[in-house]
PDB file of all heavy atoms in Angstrom:
ATOM      1  N   ARG A   1       0.833  -1.205   0.000  1.00  0.00           N
ATOM      2  CA  ARG A   1      -0.001   0.000  -0.001  1.00  0.00           C
ATOM      3  C   ARG A   1       0.868   1.257   0.000  1.00  0.00           C
ATOM      4  O   ARG A   1       0.600   2.215  -0.740  1.00  0.00           O
ATOM      5  CB  ARG A   1      -0.909   0.011   1.230  1.00  0.00           C
ATOM      6  CG  ARG A   1      -2.072  -0.965   1.175  1.00  0.00           C
ATOM      7  CD  ARG A   1      -2.918  -0.860   2.436  1.00  0.00           C
ATOM      8  NE  ARG A   1      -3.439   0.490   2.628  1.00  0.00           N
ATOM      9  CZ  ARG A   1      -4.062   0.889   3.736  1.00  0.00           C
ATOM     10  NH1 ARG A   1      -4.240   0.029   4.751  1.00  0.00           N
ATOM     11  NH2 ARG A   1      -4.503   2.125   3.847  1.00  0.00           N
ATOM     12  N   ALA A   2       1.918   1.254   0.825  1.00  0.00           N
ATOM     13  CA  ALA A   2       2.804   2.417   0.891  1.00  0.00           C
ATOM     14  C   ALA A   2       3.533   2.626  -0.432  1.00  0.00           C
ATOM     15  O   ALA A   2       3.724   3.763  -0.874  1.00  0.00           O
ATOM     16  CB  ALA A   2       3.814   2.231   2.031  1.00  0.00           C
ATOM     17  N   TYR A   3       3.906   1.526  -1.082  1.00  0.00           N
ATOM     18  CA  TYR A   3       4.615   1.637  -2.366  1.00  0.00           C
ATOM     19  C   TYR A   3       3.702   2.214  -3.449  1.00  0.00           C
ATOM     20  O   TYR A   3       4.148   2.981  -4.303  1.00  0.00           O
ATOM     21  CB  TYR A   3       5.137   0.258  -2.778  1.00  0.00           C
ATOM     22  CG  TYR A   3       5.928   0.275  -4.065  1.00  0.00           C
ATOM     23  CD1 TYR A   3       7.224   0.811  -4.101  1.00  0.00           C
ATOM     24  CD2 TYR A   3       5.396  -0.226  -5.246  1.00  0.00           C
ATOM     25  CE1 TYR A   3       7.946   0.832  -5.279  1.00  0.00           C
ATOM     26  CE2 TYR A   3       6.114  -0.201  -6.428  1.00  0.00           C
ATOM     27  CZ  TYR A   3       7.395   0.322  -6.432  1.00  0.00           C
ATOM     28  OH  TYR A   3       8.102   0.357  -7.602  1.00  0.00           O
ATOM     29  N   ARG A   4       2.408   1.852  -3.403  1.00  0.00           N
ATOM     30  CA  ARG A   4       1.473   2.422  -4.383  1.00  0.00           C
ATOM     31  C   ARG A   4       1.323   3.932  -4.190  1.00  0.00           C
ATOM     32  O   ARG A   4       1.113   4.672  -5.154  1.00  0.00           O
ATOM     33  CB  ARG A   4       0.107   1.731  -4.268  1.00  0.00           C
ATOM     34  CG  ARG A   4       0.076   0.337  -4.870  1.00  0.00           C
ATOM     35  CD  ARG A   4      -1.353  -0.147  -5.044  1.00  0.00           C
ATOM     36  NE  ARG A   4      -2.030  -0.351  -3.773  1.00  0.00           N
ATOM     37  CZ  ARG A   4      -2.050  -1.485  -3.106  1.00  0.00           C
ATOM     38  NH1 ARG A   4      -1.412  -2.543  -3.594  1.00  0.00           N
ATOM     39  NH2 ARG A   4      -2.703  -1.596  -1.952  1.00  0.00           N
ATOM     40  N   LEU A   5       1.432   4.395  -2.945  1.00  0.00           N
ATOM     41  CA  LEU A   5       1.316   5.825  -2.677  1.00  0.00           C
ATOM     42  C   LEU A   5       2.586   6.579  -3.050  1.00  0.00           C
ATOM     43  O   LEU A   5       2.530   7.677  -3.615  1.00  0.00           O
ATOM     44  CB  LEU A   5       1.014   6.060  -1.186  1.00  0.00           C
ATOM     45  CG  LEU A   5      -0.393   5.726  -0.698  1.00  0.00           C
ATOM     46  CD1 LEU A   5      -0.474   5.913   0.807  1.00  0.00           C
ATOM     47  CD2 LEU A   5      -1.419   6.607  -1.389  1.00  0.00           C
ATOM     48  N   GLN A   6       3.737   6.013  -2.710  1.00  0.00           N
ATOM     49  CA  GLN A   6       5.017   6.688  -2.931  1.00  0.00           C
ATOM     50  C   GLN A   6       6.002   5.733  -3.612  1.00  0.00           C
ATOM     51  O   GLN A   6       6.921   5.212  -2.980  1.00  0.00           O
ATOM     52  CB  GLN A   6       5.596   7.177  -1.597  1.00  0.00           C
ATOM     53  CG  GLN A   6       4.787   8.243  -0.890  1.00  0.00           C
ATOM     54  CD  GLN A   6       4.890   9.579  -1.595  1.00  0.00           C
ATOM     55  OE1 GLN A   6       5.767   9.808  -2.417  1.00  0.00           O
ATOM     56  NE2 GLN A   6       3.967  10.478  -1.269  1.00  0.00           N
ATOM     57  N   PRO A   7       5.847   5.481  -4.898  1.00  0.00           N
ATOM     58  CA  PRO A   7       6.759   4.543  -5.579  1.00  0.00           C
ATOM     59  C   PRO A   7       8.192   5.057  -5.700  1.00  0.00           C
ATOM     60  O   PRO A   7       9.108   4.275  -5.940  1.00  0.00           O
ATOM     61  CB  PRO A   7       6.116   4.373  -6.964  1.00  0.00           C
ATOM     62  CG  PRO A   7       5.299   5.605  -7.154  1.00  0.00           C
ATOM     63  CD  PRO A   7       4.805   5.991  -5.792  1.00  0.00           C
ATOM     64  N   ASP A   8       8.384   6.375  -5.541  1.00  0.00           N
ATOM     65  CA  ASP A   8       9.730   6.937  -5.634  1.00  0.00           C
ATOM     66  C   ASP A   8      10.458   6.936  -4.304  1.00  0.00           C
ATOM     67  O   ASP A   8      11.604   7.391  -4.230  1.00  0.00           O
ATOM     68  CB  ASP A   8       9.674   8.369  -6.170  1.00  0.00           C
ATOM     69  CG  ASP A   8       9.293   8.407  -7.644  1.00  0.00           C
ATOM     70  OD1 ASP A   8       9.676   7.465  -8.368  1.00  0.00           O
ATOM     71  OD2 ASP A   8       8.607   9.353  -8.057  1.00  0.00           O
ATOM     72  N   SER A   9       9.813   6.472  -3.255  1.00  0.00           N
ATOM     73  CA  SER A   9      10.452   6.427  -1.942  1.00  0.00           C
ATOM     74  C   SER A   9      11.425   5.243  -1.869  1.00  0.00           C
ATOM     75  O   SER A   9      11.025   4.088  -2.004  1.00  0.00           O
ATOM     76  CB  SER A   9       9.388   6.292  -0.840  1.00  0.00           C
ATOM     77  OG  SER A   9       9.986   6.013   0.404  1.00  0.00           O
ATOM     78  N   GLU A  10      12.687   5.542  -1.671  1.00  0.00           N
ATOM     79  CA  GLU A  10      13.705   4.486  -1.608  1.00  0.00           C
ATOM     80  C   GLU A  10      13.451   3.564  -0.432  1.00  0.00           C
ATOM     81  O   GLU A  10      13.596   2.349  -0.524  1.00  0.00           O
ATOM     82  CB  GLU A  10      15.095   5.119  -1.507  1.00  0.00           C
ATOM     83  CG  GLU A  10      16.233   4.115  -1.492  1.00  0.00           C
ATOM     84  CD  GLU A  10      17.592   4.787  -1.475  1.00  0.00           C
ATOM     85  OE1 GLU A  10      17.642   6.037  -1.421  1.00  0.00           O
ATOM     86  OE2 GLU A  10      18.611   4.082  -1.511  1.00  0.00           O
ATOM     87  N   TRP A  11      13.054   4.161   0.701  1.00  0.00           N
ATOM     88  CA  TRP A  11      12.846   3.352   1.911  1.00  0.00           C
ATOM     89  C   TRP A  11      11.753   2.315   1.708  1.00  0.00           C
ATOM     90  O   TRP A  11      11.923   1.140   2.002  1.00  0.00           O
ATOM     91  CB  TRP A  11      12.485   4.275   3.080  1.00  0.00           C
ATOM     92  CG  TRP A  11      12.075   3.511   4.298  1.00  0.00           C
ATOM     93  CD1 TRP A  11      12.884   2.970   5.246  1.00  0.00           C
ATOM     94  CD2 TRP A  11      10.734   3.147   4.663  1.00  0.00           C
ATOM     95  NE1 TRP A  11      12.133   2.314   6.191  1.00  0.00           N
ATOM     96  CE2 TRP A  11      10.820   2.404   5.862  1.00  0.00           C
ATOM     97  CE3 TRP A  11       9.486   3.390   4.103  1.00  0.00           C
ATOM     98  CZ2 TRP A  11       9.696   1.904   6.507  1.00  0.00           C
ATOM     99  CZ3 TRP A  11       8.355   2.892   4.738  1.00  0.00           C
ATOM    100  CH2 TRP A  11       8.477   2.164   5.937  1.00  0.00           C
ATOM    101  N   VAL A  12      10.596   2.759   1.193  1.00  0.00           N
ATOM    102  CA  VAL A  12       9.474   1.830   1.079  1.00  0.00           C
ATOM    103  C   VAL A  12       9.744   0.788  -0.004  1.00  0.00           C
ATOM    104  O   VAL A  12       9.363  -0.388   0.137  1.00  0.00           O
ATOM    105  CB  VAL A  12       8.162   2.595   0.804  1.00  0.00           C
ATOM    106  CG1 VAL A  12       8.113   3.158  -0.594  1.00  0.00           C
ATOM    107  CG2 VAL A  12       6.961   1.693   1.034  1.00  0.00           C
ATOM    108  N   ALA A  13      10.438   1.168  -1.082  1.00  0.00           N
ATOM    109  CA  ALA A  13      10.734   0.213  -2.143  1.00  0.00           C
ATOM    110  C   ALA A  13      11.670  -0.881  -1.637  1.00  0.00           C
ATOM    111  O   ALA A  13      11.479  -2.071  -1.925  1.00  0.00           O
ATOM    112  CB  ALA A  13      11.349   0.928  -3.335  1.00  0.00           C
ATOM    113  N   LYS A  14      12.672  -0.503  -0.869  1.00  0.00           N
ATOM    114  CA  LYS A  14      13.612  -1.498  -0.343  1.00  0.00           C
ATOM    115  C   LYS A  14      12.951  -2.370   0.728  1.00  0.00           C
ATOM    116  O   LYS A  14      13.251  -3.567   0.826  1.00  0.00           O
ATOM    117  CB  LYS A  14      14.850  -0.801   0.203  1.00  0.00           C
ATOM    118  CG  LYS A  14      15.715  -0.201  -0.896  1.00  0.00           C
ATOM    119  CD  LYS A  14      17.024   0.359  -0.369  1.00  0.00           C
ATOM    120  CE  LYS A  14      17.899   0.830  -1.520  1.00  0.00           C
ATOM    121  NZ  LYS A  14      19.187   1.381  -1.063  1.00  0.00           N
ATOM    122  N   ALA A  15      12.068  -1.769   1.523  1.00  0.00           N
ATOM    123  CA  ALA A  15      11.340  -2.565   2.521  1.00  0.00           C
ATOM    124  C   ALA A  15      10.450  -3.589   1.829  1.00  0.00           C
ATOM    125  O   ALA A  15      10.376  -4.755   2.247  1.00  0.00           O
ATOM    126  CB  ALA A  15      10.506  -1.649   3.420  1.00  0.00           C
ATOM    127  N   LEU A  16       9.785  -3.171   0.752  1.00  0.00           N
ATOM    128  CA  LEU A  16       8.929  -4.092  -0.006  1.00  0.00           C
ATOM    129  C   LEU A  16       9.764  -5.221  -0.606  1.00  0.00           C
ATOM    130  O   LEU A  16       9.372  -6.396  -0.554  1.00  0.00           O
ATOM    131  CB  LEU A  16       8.187  -3.328  -1.104  1.00  0.00           C
ATOM    132  CG  LEU A  16       7.315  -4.175  -2.047  1.00  0.00           C
ATOM    133  CD1 LEU A  16       6.226  -4.897  -1.270  1.00  0.00           C
ATOM    134  CD2 LEU A  16       6.704  -3.291  -3.134  1.00  0.00           C
ATOM    135  N   PHE A  17      10.917  -4.877  -1.151  1.00  0.00           N
ATOM    136  CA  PHE A  17      11.788  -5.899  -1.746  1.00  0.00           C
ATOM    137  C   PHE A  17      12.222  -6.920  -0.693  1.00  0.00           C
ATOM    138  O   PHE A  17      12.157  -8.138  -0.926  1.00  0.00           O
ATOM    139  CB  PHE A  17      13.012  -5.231  -2.377  1.00  0.00           C
ATOM    140  CG  PHE A  17      14.007  -6.204  -2.956  1.00  0.00           C
ATOM    141  CD1 PHE A  17      13.831  -6.730  -4.226  1.00  0.00           C
ATOM    142  CD2 PHE A  17      15.123  -6.584  -2.224  1.00  0.00           C
ATOM    143  CE1 PHE A  17      14.745  -7.630  -4.755  1.00  0.00           C
ATOM    144  CE2 PHE A  17      16.046  -7.479  -2.738  1.00  0.00           C
ATOM    145  CZ  PHE A  17      15.851  -8.006  -4.011  1.00  0.00           C
ATOM    146  N   ASP A  18      12.670  -6.450   0.465  1.00  0.00           N
ATOM    147  CA  ASP A  18      13.118  -7.360   1.530  1.00  0.00           C
ATOM    148  C   ASP A  18      11.994  -8.281   1.988  1.00  0.00           C
ATOM    149  O   ASP A  18      12.214  -9.480   2.242  1.00  0.00           O
ATOM    150  CB  ASP A  18      13.660  -6.558   2.724  1.00  0.00           C
ATOM    151  CG  ASP A  18      14.978  -5.870   2.412  1.00  0.00           C
ATOM    152  OD1 ASP A  18      15.667  -6.317   1.464  1.00  0.00           O
ATOM    153  OD2 ASP A  18      15.322  -4.893   3.102  1.00  0.00           O
ATOM    154  N   LEU A  19      10.791  -7.750   2.107  1.00  0.00           N
ATOM    155  CA  LEU A  19       9.661  -8.567   2.549  1.00  0.00           C
ATOM    156  C   LEU A  19       9.273  -9.593   1.487  1.00  0.00           C
ATOM    157  O   LEU A  19       8.896 -10.727   1.811  1.00  0.00           O
ATOM    158  CB  LEU A  19       8.465  -7.668   2.876  1.00  0.00           C
ATOM    159  CG  LEU A  19       8.609  -6.843   4.163  1.00  0.00           C
ATOM    160  CD1 LEU A  19       7.561  -5.741   4.220  1.00  0.00           C
ATOM    161  CD2 LEU A  19       8.496  -7.737   5.395  1.00  0.00           C
ATOM    162  N   GLN A  20       9.354  -9.220   0.222  1.00  0.00           N
ATOM    163  CA  GLN A  20       9.061 -10.176  -0.852  1.00  0.00           C
ATOM    164  C   GLN A  20      10.097 -11.296  -0.878  1.00  0.00           C
ATOM    165  O   GLN A  20       9.748 -12.462  -1.072  1.00  0.00           O
ATOM    166  CB  GLN A  20       9.023  -9.431  -2.192  1.00  0.00           C
ATOM    167  CG  GLN A  20       7.803  -8.553  -2.371  1.00  0.00           C
ATOM    168  CD  GLN A  20       7.906  -7.631  -3.574  1.00  0.00           C
ATOM    169  OE1 GLN A  20       9.002  -7.300  -4.027  1.00  0.00           O
ATOM    170  NE2 GLN A  20       6.772  -7.208  -4.106  1.00  0.00           N
ATOM    171  N   VAL A  21      11.348 -10.934  -0.678  1.00  0.00           N
ATOM    172  CA  VAL A  21      12.402 -11.956  -0.619  1.00  0.00           C
ATOM    173  C   VAL A  21      12.178 -12.873   0.578  1.00  0.00           C
ATOM    174  O   VAL A  21      12.307 -14.094   0.477  1.00  0.00           O
ATOM    175  CB  VAL A  21      13.790 -11.283  -0.545  1.00  0.00           C
ATOM    176  CG1 VAL A  21      14.863 -12.290  -0.179  1.00  0.00           C
ATOM    177  CG2 VAL A  21      14.127 -10.630  -1.891  1.00  0.00           C
ATOM    178  N   ASP A  22      11.836 -12.274   1.705  1.00  0.00           N
ATOM    179  CA  ASP A  22      11.610 -13.058   2.920  1.00  0.00           C
ATOM    180  C   ASP A  22      10.458 -14.045   2.726  1.00  0.00           C
ATOM    181  O   ASP A  22      10.480 -15.149   3.262  1.00  0.00           O
ATOM    182  CB  ASP A  22      11.303 -12.118   4.085  1.00  0.00           C
ATOM    183  CG  ASP A  22      11.215 -12.843   5.414  1.00  0.00           C
ATOM    184  OD1 ASP A  22      12.228 -13.420   5.836  1.00  0.00           O
ATOM    185  OD2 ASP A  22      10.130 -12.851   6.022  1.00  0.00           O
ATOM    186  N   ALA A  23       9.457 -13.657   1.927  1.00  0.00           N
ATOM    187  CA  ALA A  23       8.310 -14.528   1.669  1.00  0.00           C
ATOM    188  C   ALA A  23       8.553 -15.497   0.516  1.00  0.00           C
ATOM    189  O   ALA A  23       7.695 -16.331   0.217  1.00  0.00           O
ATOM    190  CB  ALA A  23       7.074 -13.683   1.375  1.00  0.00           C
ATOM    191  N   GLY A  24       9.724 -15.390  -0.127  1.00  0.00           N
ATOM    192  CA  GLY A  24      10.022 -16.272  -1.259  1.00  0.00           C
ATOM    193  C   GLY A  24       9.255 -15.910  -2.514  1.00  0.00           C
ATOM    194  O   GLY A  24       9.116 -16.745  -3.408  1.00  0.00           O
ATOM    195  N   LEU A  25       8.805 -14.655  -2.622  1.00  0.00           N
ATOM    196  CA  LEU A  25       8.091 -14.194  -3.817  1.00  0.00           C
ATOM    197  C   LEU A  25       9.118 -13.660  -4.815  1.00  0.00           C
ATOM    198  O   LEU A  25       9.276 -12.443  -4.998  1.00  0.00           O
ATOM    199  CB  LEU A  25       7.068 -13.116  -3.442  1.00  0.00           C
ATOM    200  CG  LEU A  25       6.015 -13.531  -2.405  1.00  0.00           C
ATOM    201  CD1 LEU A  25       5.143 -12.348  -2.001  1.00  0.00           C
ATOM    202  CD2 LEU A  25       5.153 -14.667  -2.957  1.00  0.00           C
ATOM    203  N   TRP A  26       9.829 -14.577  -5.456  1.00  0.00           N
ATOM    204  CA  TRP A  26      10.978 -14.181  -6.285  1.00  0.00           C
ATOM    205  C   TRP A  26      10.552 -13.386  -7.508  1.00  0.00           C
ATOM    206  O   TRP A  26      11.248 -12.438  -7.901  1.00  0.00           O
ATOM    207  CB  TRP A  26      11.758 -15.427  -6.700  1.00  0.00           C
ATOM    208  CG  TRP A  26      12.080 -16.330  -5.563  1.00  0.00           C
ATOM    209  CD1 TRP A  26      11.652 -17.607  -5.367  1.00  0.00           C
ATOM    210  CD2 TRP A  26      12.898 -16.012  -4.421  1.00  0.00           C
ATOM    211  NE1 TRP A  26      12.144 -18.104  -4.186  1.00  0.00           N
ATOM    212  CE2 TRP A  26      12.917 -17.155  -3.584  1.00  0.00           C
ATOM    213  CE3 TRP A  26      13.596 -14.873  -4.020  1.00  0.00           C
ATOM    214  CZ2 TRP A  26      13.610 -17.183  -2.395  1.00  0.00           C
ATOM    215  CZ3 TRP A  26      14.297 -14.907  -2.817  1.00  0.00           C
ATOM    216  CH2 TRP A  26      14.301 -16.053  -2.023  1.00  0.00           C
ATOM    217  N   LEU A  27       9.426 -13.733  -8.100  1.00  0.00           N
ATOM    218  CA  LEU A  27       8.971 -12.996  -9.276  1.00  0.00           C
ATOM    219  C   LEU A  27       8.567 -11.571  -8.903  1.00  0.00           C
ATOM    220  O   LEU A  27       8.929 -10.607  -9.592  1.00  0.00           O
ATOM    221  CB  LEU A  27       7.794 -13.733  -9.925  1.00  0.00           C
ATOM    222  CG  LEU A  27       7.286 -13.161 -11.255  1.00  0.00           C
ATOM    223  CD1 LEU A  27       8.404 -13.148 -12.297  1.00  0.00           C
ATOM    224  CD2 LEU A  27       6.091 -13.963 -11.761  1.00  0.00           C
ATOM    225  N   ASP A  28       7.820 -11.429  -7.803  1.00  0.00           N
ATOM    226  CA  ASP A  28       7.433 -10.092  -7.338  1.00  0.00           C
ATOM    227  C   ASP A  28       8.657  -9.274  -6.961  1.00  0.00           C
ATOM    228  O   ASP A  28       8.737  -8.073  -7.257  1.00  0.00           O
ATOM    229  CB  ASP A  28       6.498 -10.201  -6.129  1.00  0.00           C
ATOM    230  CG  ASP A  28       5.138 -10.788  -6.502  1.00  0.00           C
ATOM    231  OD1 ASP A  28       4.876 -10.940  -7.712  1.00  0.00           O
ATOM    232  OD2 ASP A  28       4.360 -11.109  -5.589  1.00  0.00           O
ATOM    233  N   ALA A  29       9.607  -9.916  -6.293  1.00  0.00           N
ATOM    234  CA  ALA A  29      10.834  -9.217  -5.907  1.00  0.00           C
ATOM    235  C   ALA A  29      11.601  -8.761  -7.143  1.00  0.00           C
ATOM    236  O   ALA A  29      12.219  -7.692  -7.149  1.00  0.00           O
ATOM    237  CB  ALA A  29      11.707 -10.119  -5.037  1.00  0.00           C
ATOM    238  N   GLY A  30      11.543  -9.573  -8.207  1.00  0.00           N
ATOM    239  CA  GLY A  30      12.204  -9.183  -9.450  1.00  0.00           C
ATOM    240  C   GLY A  30      11.578  -7.941 -10.058  1.00  0.00           C
ATOM    241  O   GLY A  30      12.274  -7.055 -10.567  1.00  0.00           O
ATOM    242  N   VAL A  31      10.250  -7.846 -10.011  1.00  0.00           N
ATOM    243  CA  VAL A  31       9.547  -6.665 -10.529  1.00  0.00           C
ATOM    244  C   VAL A  31       9.938  -5.428  -9.712  1.00  0.00           C
ATOM    245  O   VAL A  31      10.225  -4.357 -10.258  1.00  0.00           O
ATOM    246  CB  VAL A  31       8.024  -6.880 -10.490  1.00  0.00           C
ATOM    247  CG1 VAL A  31       7.293  -5.591 -10.858  1.00  0.00           C
ATOM    248  CG2 VAL A  31       7.626  -8.005 -11.427  1.00  0.00           C
ATOM    249  N   THR A  32       9.964  -5.579  -8.383  1.00  0.00           N
ATOM    250  CA  THR A  32      10.355  -4.460  -7.526  1.00  0.00           C
ATOM    251  C   THR A  32      11.798  -4.052  -7.786  1.00  0.00           C
ATOM    252  O   THR A  32      12.126  -2.858  -7.817  1.00  0.00           O
ATOM    253  CB  THR A  32      10.177  -4.847  -6.045  1.00  0.00           C
ATOM    254  OG1 THR A  32       8.826  -5.253  -5.809  1.00  0.00           O
ATOM    255  CG2 THR A  32      10.499  -3.678  -5.132  1.00  0.00           C
ATOM    256  N   ASN A  33      12.672  -5.040  -7.980  1.00  0.00           N
ATOM    257  CA  ASN A  33      14.072  -4.741  -8.282  1.00  0.00           C
ATOM    258  C   ASN A  33      14.199  -3.953  -9.591  1.00  0.00           C
ATOM    259  O   ASN A  33      14.978  -2.996  -9.681  1.00  0.00           O
ATOM    260  CB  ASN A  33      14.856  -6.051  -8.369  1.00  0.00           C
ATOM    261  CG  ASN A  33      16.322  -5.833  -8.667  1.00  0.00           C
ATOM    262  OD1 ASN A  33      17.072  -5.340  -7.836  1.00  0.00           O
ATOM    263  ND2 ASN A  33      16.745  -6.195  -9.865  1.00  0.00           N
ATOM    264  N   ASP A  34      13.426  -4.336 -10.595  1.00  0.00           N
ATOM    265  CA  ASP A  34      13.448  -3.607 -11.867  1.00  0.00           C
ATOM    266  C   ASP A  34      12.954  -2.173 -11.682  1.00  0.00           C
ATOM    267  O   ASP A  34      13.489  -1.237 -12.301  1.00  0.00           O
ATOM    268  CB  ASP A  34      12.574  -4.324 -12.903  1.00  0.00           C
ATOM    269  CG  ASP A  34      13.158  -5.665 -13.326  1.00  0.00           C
ATOM    270  OD1 ASP A  34      14.370  -5.887 -13.082  1.00  0.00           O
ATOM    271  OD2 ASP A  34      12.407  -6.492 -13.878  1.00  0.00           O
ATOM    272  N   GLU A  35      11.945  -1.998 -10.826  1.00  0.00           N
ATOM    273  CA  GLU A  35      11.441  -0.652 -10.564  1.00  0.00           C
ATOM    274  C   GLU A  35      12.491   0.192  -9.840  1.00  0.00           C
ATOM    275  O   GLU A  35      12.661   1.387 -10.134  1.00  0.00           O
ATOM    276  CB  GLU A  35      10.167  -0.722  -9.719  1.00  0.00           C
ATOM    277  CG  GLU A  35       8.930  -1.130 -10.493  1.00  0.00           C
ATOM    278  CD  GLU A  35       8.539  -0.061 -11.500  1.00  0.00           C
ATOM    279  OE1 GLU A  35       8.323   1.102 -11.105  1.00  0.00           O
ATOM    280  OE2 GLU A  35       8.473  -0.386 -12.708  1.00  0.00           O
ATOM    281  N   LEU A  36      13.206  -0.416  -8.898  1.00  0.00           N
ATOM    282  CA  LEU A  36      14.274   0.300  -8.195  1.00  0.00           C
ATOM    283  C   LEU A  36      15.345   0.771  -9.177  1.00  0.00           C
ATOM    284  O   LEU A  36      15.853   1.897  -9.079  1.00  0.00           O
ATOM    285  CB  LEU A  36      14.903  -0.604  -7.130  1.00  0.00           C
ATOM    286  CG  LEU A  36      14.106  -0.779  -5.831  1.00  0.00           C
ATOM    287  CD1 LEU A  36      14.679  -1.930  -5.019  1.00  0.00           C
ATOM    288  CD2 LEU A  36      14.143   0.500  -5.017  1.00  0.00           C
ATOM    289  N   ALA A  37      15.691  -0.097 -10.123  1.00  0.00           N
ATOM    290  CA  ALA A  37      16.704   0.264 -11.116  1.00  0.00           C
ATOM    291  C   ALA A  37      16.166   1.347 -12.059  1.00  0.00           C
ATOM    292  O   ALA A  37      16.892   2.297 -12.395  1.00  0.00           O
ATOM    293  CB  ALA A  37      17.126  -0.969 -11.903  1.00  0.00           C
ATOM    294  N   ARG A  38      14.905   1.219 -12.472  1.00  0.00           N
ATOM    295  CA  ARG A  38      14.335   2.187 -13.406  1.00  0.00           C
ATOM    296  C   ARG A  38      14.231   3.571 -12.785  1.00  0.00           C
ATOM    297  O   ARG A  38      14.442   4.587 -13.468  1.00  0.00           O
ATOM    298  CB  ARG A  38      12.950   1.719 -13.855  1.00  0.00           C
ATOM    299  CG  ARG A  38      12.339   2.550 -14.956  1.00  0.00           C
ATOM    300  CD  ARG A  38      11.013   1.968 -15.422  1.00  0.00           C
ATOM    301  NE  ARG A  38      10.010   2.024 -14.388  1.00  0.00           N
ATOM    302  CZ  ARG A  38       9.260   3.105 -14.131  1.00  0.00           C
ATOM    303  NH1 ARG A  38       9.435   4.213 -14.833  1.00  0.00           N
ATOM    304  NH2 ARG A  38       8.340   3.077 -13.183  1.00  0.00           N
ATOM    305  N   ARG A  39      13.934   3.636 -11.505  1.00  0.00           N
ATOM    306  CA  ARG A  39      13.822   4.917 -10.822  1.00  0.00           C
ATOM    307  C   ARG A  39      15.162   5.395 -10.265  1.00  0.00           C
ATOM    308  O   ARG A  39      15.214   6.364  -9.503  1.00  0.00           O
ATOM    309  CB  ARG A  39      12.797   4.815  -9.684  1.00  0.00           C
ATOM    310  CG  ARG A  39      11.399   4.490 -10.158  1.00  0.00           C
ATOM    311  CD  ARG A  39      10.421   4.345  -9.009  1.00  0.00           C
ATOM    312  NE  ARG A  39       9.113   3.878  -9.462  1.00  0.00           N
ATOM    313  CZ  ARG A  39       8.177   4.672  -9.956  1.00  0.00           C
ATOM    314  NH1 ARG A  39       8.412   5.969 -10.045  1.00  0.00           N
ATOM    315  NH2 ARG A  39       7.017   4.180 -10.369  1.00  0.00           N
ATOM    316  N   ARG A  40      16.226   4.684 -10.601  1.00  0.00           N
ATOM    317  CA  ARG A  40      17.592   5.044 -10.190  1.00  0.00           C
ATOM    318  C   ARG A  40      17.743   5.063  -8.666  1.00  0.00           C
ATOM    319  O   ARG A  40      18.485   5.883  -8.105  1.00  0.00           O
ATOM    320  CB  ARG A  40      17.996   6.397 -10.780  1.00  0.00           C
ATOM    321  CG  ARG A  40      17.962   6.418 -12.305  1.00  0.00           C
ATOM    322  CD  ARG A  40      18.493   7.736 -12.845  1.00  0.00           C
ATOM    323  NE  ARG A  40      18.380   7.805 -14.297  1.00  0.00           N
ATOM    324  CZ  ARG A  40      19.216   7.252 -15.159  1.00  0.00           C
ATOM    325  NH1 ARG A  40      20.272   6.577 -14.681  1.00  0.00           N
ATOM    326  NH2 ARG A  40      19.052   7.372 -16.457  1.00  0.00           N
ATOM    327  N   LEU A  41      17.017   4.185  -7.997  1.00  0.00           N
ATOM    328  CA  LEU A  41      17.166   4.026  -6.554  1.00  0.00           C
ATOM    329  C   LEU A  41      18.175   2.932  -6.219  1.00  0.00           C
ATOM    330  O   LEU A  41      18.460   2.697  -5.040  1.00  0.00           O
ATOM    331  CB  LEU A  41      15.814   3.682  -5.923  1.00  0.00           C
ATOM    332  CG  LEU A  41      14.704   4.727  -6.105  1.00  0.00           C
ATOM    333  CD1 LEU A  41      13.394   4.244  -5.514  1.00  0.00           C
ATOM    334  CD2 LEU A  41      15.109   6.051  -5.470  1.00  0.00           C
ATOM    335  N   LEU A  42      18.700   2.269  -7.234  1.00  0.00           N
ATOM    336  CA  LEU A  42      19.658   1.176  -7.066  1.00  0.00           C
ATOM    337  C   LEU A  42      20.646   1.233  -8.223  1.00  0.00           C
ATOM    338  O   LEU A  42      20.237   1.401  -9.371  1.00  0.00           O
ATOM    339  CB  LEU A  42      18.919  -0.165  -7.058  1.00  0.00           C
ATOM    340  CG  LEU A  42      19.628  -1.386  -6.476  1.00  0.00           C
ATOM    341  CD1 LEU A  42      19.854  -1.197  -4.979  1.00  0.00           C
ATOM    342  CD2 LEU A  42      18.804  -2.639  -6.721  1.00  0.00           C
TER     343      LEU A  42
END
């Protein structure tokens, strides 16, 4: 929910990525990783 509100927030994007990895959602984590790279947050 926080990522939908503020997709440019580095903190929330990285928190979402860590939680997806922790849950084993590798495909979702890959999408988030691509978004981090596209927004130059990584």
